C-alpha atoms as a PDB file:
ATOM      1  CA  MET A   1      53.773 -60.403   2.740  1.00  0.00           C
ATOM      2  CA  SER A   2      52.510 -64.406   2.688  1.00  0.00           C
ATOM      3  CA  GLY A   3      54.774 -65.208   5.360  1.00  0.00           C
ATOM      4  CA  ASP A   4      52.830 -62.796   7.906  1.00  0.00           C
ATOM      5  CA  LEU A   5      49.526 -64.470   6.783  1.00  0.00           C
ATOM      6  CA  ASN A   6      50.419 -67.943   8.917  1.00  0.00           C
ATOM      7  CA  GLU A   7      51.770 -66.327  11.917  1.00  0.00           C
ATOM      8  CA  GLY A   8      49.432 -67.304  14.393  1.00  0.00           C
ATOM      9  CA  PRO A   9      47.684 -64.810  17.223  1.00  0.00           C
ATOM     10  CA  LEU A  10      50.148 -62.455  19.055  1.00  0.00           C
ATOM     11  CA  ALA A  11      50.289 -63.300  22.537  1.00  0.00           C
ATOM     12  CA  PRO A  12      49.396 -60.655  25.662  1.00  0.00           C
ATOM     13  CA  ALA A  13      51.880 -58.868  26.944  1.00  0.00           C
ATOM     14  CA  ALA A  14      53.355 -59.336  30.534  1.00  0.00           C
ATOM     15  CA  THR A  15      51.918 -56.968  32.065  1.00  0.00           C
ATOM     16  CA  VAL A  16      53.897 -55.471  35.470  1.00  0.00           C
ATOM     17  CA  THR A  17      51.687 -55.613  38.854  1.00  0.00           C
ATOM     18  CA  PRO A  18      52.774 -52.423  40.786  1.00  0.00           C
ATOM     19  CA  PRO A  19      53.471 -54.078  44.635  1.00  0.00           C
ATOM     20  CA  SER A  20      50.276 -54.150  47.212  1.00  0.00           C
ATOM     21  CA  PRO A  21      50.743 -51.845  49.561  1.00  0.00           C
ATOM     22  CA  LYS A  22      51.269 -53.094  53.221  1.00  0.00           C
ATOM     23  CA  VAL A  23      48.402 -54.180  55.496  1.00  0.00           C
ATOM     24  CA  THR A  24      48.268 -51.074  58.303  1.00  0.00           C
ATOM     25  CA  ARG A  25      47.471 -52.379  61.949  1.00  0.00           C
ATOM     26  CA  ARG A  26      43.929 -51.072  61.658  1.00  0.00           C
ATOM     27  CA  GLU A  27      43.557 -52.766  59.056  1.00  0.00           C
ATOM     28  CA  LYS A  28      44.422 -55.601  59.868  1.00  0.00           C
ATOM     29  CA  ARG A  29      42.316 -55.060  62.976  1.00  0.00           C
ATOM     30  CA  ARG A  30      39.454 -54.278  61.205  1.00  0.00           C
ATOM     31  CA  GLN A  31      40.169 -57.298  58.750  1.00  0.00           C
ATOM     32  CA  ARG A  32      39.597 -59.740  62.256  1.00  0.00           C
ATOM     33  CA  ARG A  33      36.965 -57.869  63.357  1.00  0.00           C
ATOM     34  CA  ARG A  34      34.775 -58.614  60.552  1.00  0.00           C
ATOM     35  CA  ARG A  35      36.114 -62.161  60.021  1.00  0.00           C
ATOM     36  CA  ARG A  36      34.750 -62.677  63.786  1.00  0.00           C
ATOM     37  CA  LYS A  37      31.704 -60.878  63.091  1.00  0.00           C
ATOM     38  CA  ILE A  38      31.138 -63.031  60.286  1.00  0.00           C
ATOM     39  CA  GLY A  39      32.030 -66.332  62.582  1.00  0.00           C
ATOM     40  CA  GLU A  40      29.601 -65.231  65.046  1.00  0.00           C
ATOM     41  CA  GLU A  41      26.719 -65.228  62.850  1.00  0.00           C
ATOM     42  CA  ILE A  42      27.459 -67.927  61.502  1.00  0.00           C
ATOM     43  CA  LEU A  43      27.746 -70.056  64.943  1.00  0.00           C
ATOM     44  CA  GLY A  44      25.134 -68.307  66.078  1.00  0.00           C
ATOM     45  CA  TRP A  45      22.887 -69.528  63.167  1.00  0.00           C
ATOM     46  CA  ILE A  46      24.037 -72.879  64.038  1.00  0.00           C
ATOM     47  CA  LEU A  47      23.921 -73.117  67.766  1.00  0.00           C
ATOM     48  CA  VAL A  48      20.153 -71.167  68.565  1.00  0.00           C
ATOM     49  CA  PRO A  49      18.579 -73.914  66.993  1.00  0.00           C
ATOM     50  CA  LEU A  50      20.322 -76.141  68.433  1.00  0.00           C
ATOM     51  CA  ILE A  51      19.646 -74.839  71.544  1.00  0.00           C
ATOM     52  CA  LEU A  52      15.770 -74.244  71.507  1.00  0.00           C
ATOM     53  CA  LEU A  53      15.703 -77.529  70.059  1.00  0.00           C
ATOM     54  CA  ALA A  54      17.667 -79.142  73.702  1.00  0.00           C
ATOM     55  CA  GLY A  55      15.262 -76.716  75.318  1.00  0.00           C
ATOM     56  CA  TYR A  56      11.887 -78.411  73.785  1.00  0.00           C
ATOM     57  CA  TRP A  57      13.503 -81.662  74.334  1.00  0.00           C
ATOM     58  CA  ALA A  58      14.795 -81.392  77.923  1.00  0.00           C
ATOM     59  CA  ILE A  59      10.945 -80.095  78.583  1.00  0.00           C
ATOM     60  CA  ASN A  60       9.376 -82.916  77.433  1.00  0.00           C
ATOM     61  CA  ALA A  61      11.814 -85.037  78.993  1.00  0.00           C
ATOM     62  CA  GLY A  62      10.959 -83.658  82.485  1.00  0.00           C
ATOM     63  CA  PHE A  63       6.876 -83.481  81.543  1.00  0.00           C
ATOM     64  CA  ALA A  64       7.689 -87.536  80.621  1.00  0.00           C
ATOM     65  CA  PHE A  65      10.084 -88.475  84.124  1.00  0.00           C
ATOM     66  CA  PHE A  66       6.738 -86.892  85.997  1.00  0.00           C
ATOM     67  CA  GLY A  67       4.537 -88.794  83.520  1.00  0.00           C
ATOM     68  CA  THR A  68       2.539 -85.495  82.622  1.00  0.00           C
ATOM     69  CA  THR A  69       1.616 -83.929  80.222  1.00  0.00           C
ATOM     70  CA  PRO A  70       1.688 -79.606  79.352  1.00  0.00           C
ATOM     71  CA  SER A  71      -2.360 -79.817  79.450  1.00  0.00           C
ATOM     72  CA  VAL A  72      -2.468 -81.438  82.159  1.00  0.00           C
ATOM     73  CA  VAL A  73      -0.069 -79.343  83.885  1.00  0.00           C
ATOM     74  CA  PHE A  74      -1.627 -76.254  82.797  1.00  0.00           C
ATOM     75  CA  ASP A  75      -4.946 -77.353  83.409  1.00  0.00           C
ATOM     76  CA  GLN A  76      -3.825 -77.525  87.277  1.00  0.00           C
ATOM     77  CA  LEU A  77      -2.423 -74.338  87.365  1.00  0.00           C
ATOM     78  CA  LYS A  78      -6.016 -72.746  86.207  1.00  0.00           C
ATOM     79  CA  GLN A  79      -7.717 -74.585  89.241  1.00  0.00           C
ATOM     80  CA  ALA A  80      -4.894 -73.463  91.864  1.00  0.00           C
ATOM     81  CA  LYS A  81      -5.293 -69.940  90.037  1.00  0.00           C
ATOM     82  CA  THR A  82      -8.854 -70.056  90.375  1.00  0.00           C
ATOM     83  CA  ALA A  83      -8.611 -71.155  93.937  1.00  0.00           C
ATOM     84  CA  LEU A  84      -6.376 -68.092  94.988  1.00  0.00           C
ATOM     85  CA  GLU A  85      -9.046 -65.971  93.483  1.00  0.00           C
ATOM     86  CA  LYS A  86     -11.696 -67.068  95.464  1.00  0.00           C
ATOM     87  CA  ARG A  87      -9.364 -67.685  98.837  1.00  0.00           C
ATOM     88  CA  GLU A  88      -9.103 -63.455  98.341  1.00  0.00           C
ATOM     89  CA  ALA A  89     -12.687 -62.522  97.529  1.00  0.00           C
ATOM     90  CA  ARG A  90     -13.828 -63.957 101.296  1.00  0.00           C
END
């Protein structure tokens, strides 16, 4: 009886896992689609801000190249619009 007290905890019994069923072609295609969609989402979250930032820099570089600012360009466009409106009113 006293020998039972000195024994340690029992080791867990080895469990037999059944072999996983083979993945069908249809399921493989679904997995590939899911991965591709996730990859496209991640790529979109990275590329869209980069494209917008590059567009902003390109517009600023274009204005700097021609030595002007956006406000001057908009003022000139307004002047052209009013001149055309006056011309049509005649």
